[in-house]
Structure formats: structure tokens, C-alpha cells
């Protein structure tokens, strides 16, 4: 969903957009990362830093954020 549509729908429903707060995503490869709520519609923020898969569903589990990926996945550069 485009970011502006998302913001408009939340505004209509009276749901505040929590600017600057963080939320998490968990990839099928098991990697958990977080980013700012300001990143709606940003493909880079929703791309797993471990394997390169896109993940748009938020993760609400208790698993902590994974360690940062030290070496970029070489397969990401061939997508």
C-alpha cells in the first residue's frame, strides 16, 4: 500500500502515526530487524539484511533484533 494512502487511512480512522518509533520484521530465514515507522513504502527498510527477501509484515514476537550482518550477502547484488 502506498505510504500516502496508508497515512490517509490511518488519519480517517483516527489512528496516530507514531513518527520516529520503531517496529520489527522477521524474515523466513530467521533474521529479525527493526526500522522507524517513518519508512512506510521504503523497499530498502523492508528488505532482509541477511538474505535480501522483502518482508512487509510486522513481527510482534519477543525475539530480539538479530546481530547486524557484517558481510553483505553476495547474492543480493545479483537481484
Protein backbone atom coordinates (compact mmCIF):
# COMPACT_ATOMS: atom_id res chain seq x y z
CA UNK A 1 0.00 0.00 0.00
CA UNK A 2 1.47 3.38 -0.93
CA UNK A 3 2.61 5.41 2.07
CA UNK A 4 0.28 8.35 1.40
CA UNK A 5 -2.77 6.06 1.21
CA UNK A 6 -1.67 4.39 4.45
CA UNK A 7 -1.30 7.76 6.18
CA UNK A 8 -4.68 8.93 4.87
CA UNK A 9 -6.48 5.78 6.03
CA UNK A 10 -4.93 5.98 9.49
CA UNK A 11 -5.93 9.64 9.68
CA UNK A 12 -9.53 8.82 8.70
CA UNK A 13 -9.70 6.09 11.34
CA UNK A 14 -8.14 8.33 13.98
CA UNK A 15 -5.08 6.09 14.39
CA UNK A 16 -2.00 8.21 15.04
CA UNK A 17 1.14 7.60 13.03
CA UNK A 18 3.90 7.17 15.55
CA UNK A 19 6.62 9.15 13.82
CA UNK A 20 10.09 8.05 14.83
CA UNK A 21 9.07 4.93 16.75
CA UNK A 22 10.47 1.53 15.76
CA UNK A 23 8.89 -1.74 14.75
CA UNK A 24 10.36 -5.14 13.85
CA UNK A 25 10.21 -7.56 10.94
CA UNK A 26 11.21 -11.23 10.90
CA UNK A 27 12.29 -12.91 7.68
CA UNK A 28 11.72 -16.57 6.80
CA UNK A 29 15.49 -17.02 7.20
CA UNK A 30 15.05 -16.12 10.89
CA UNK A 31 16.70 -12.70 10.82
CA UNK A 32 14.91 -10.01 12.88
CA UNK A 33 15.49 -6.31 12.19
CA UNK A 34 13.82 -3.05 13.09
CA UNK A 35 13.32 0.30 11.46
CA UNK A 36 11.46 3.54 12.02
CA UNK A 37 7.72 3.85 11.46
CA UNK A 38 8.65 6.67 9.06
CA UNK A 39 9.80 4.09 6.48
CA UNK A 40 6.37 3.16 5.10
CA UNK A 41 6.71 2.28 1.43
CA UNK A 42 10.52 2.13 1.62
CA UNK A 43 11.59 -1.14 -0.02
CA UNK A 44 15.11 -0.94 1.46
CA UNK A 45 13.74 -0.81 5.01
CA UNK A 46 11.64 -3.90 4.32
CA UNK A 47 14.44 -5.95 2.76
CA UNK A 48 16.10 -8.54 5.00
CA UNK A 49 19.74 -7.54 5.52
CA UNK A 50 20.65 -11.22 5.82
CA UNK A 51 19.14 -12.80 2.69
CA UNK A 52 17.58 -9.96 0.67
CA UNK A 53 13.96 -11.12 0.80
CA UNK A 54 11.26 -8.47 1.22
CA UNK A 55 9.19 -8.68 4.40
CA UNK A 56 6.34 -6.23 4.89
CA UNK A 57 4.53 -7.96 7.75
CA UNK A 58 5.42 -6.64 11.19
CA UNK A 59 6.83 -9.00 13.77
CA UNK A 60 5.27 -8.76 17.23
CA UNK A 61 7.14 -11.65 18.85
CA UNK A 62 9.60 -11.44 21.71
CA UNK A 63 12.67 -12.47 19.73
CA UNK A 64 15.32 -9.73 19.94
CA UNK A 65 16.77 -7.94 16.94
CA UNK A 66 19.43 -10.09 15.26
CA UNK A 67 23.07 -9.15 15.24
CA UNK A 68 23.98 -6.81 12.37
CA UNK A 69 25.15 -8.53 9.22
CA UNK A 70 28.89 -7.90 8.96
CA UNK A 71 29.39 -9.03 5.39
CA UNK A 72 26.86 -8.26 2.70
CA UNK A 73 25.24 -11.25 1.08
CA UNK A 74 26.87 -11.57 -2.38
CA UNK A 75 23.61 -12.83 -3.88
CA UNK A 76 21.90 -9.50 -3.10
CA UNK A 77 23.92 -7.79 -5.81
CA UNK A 78 22.56 -10.12 -8.49
CA UNK A 79 18.85 -9.49 -7.87
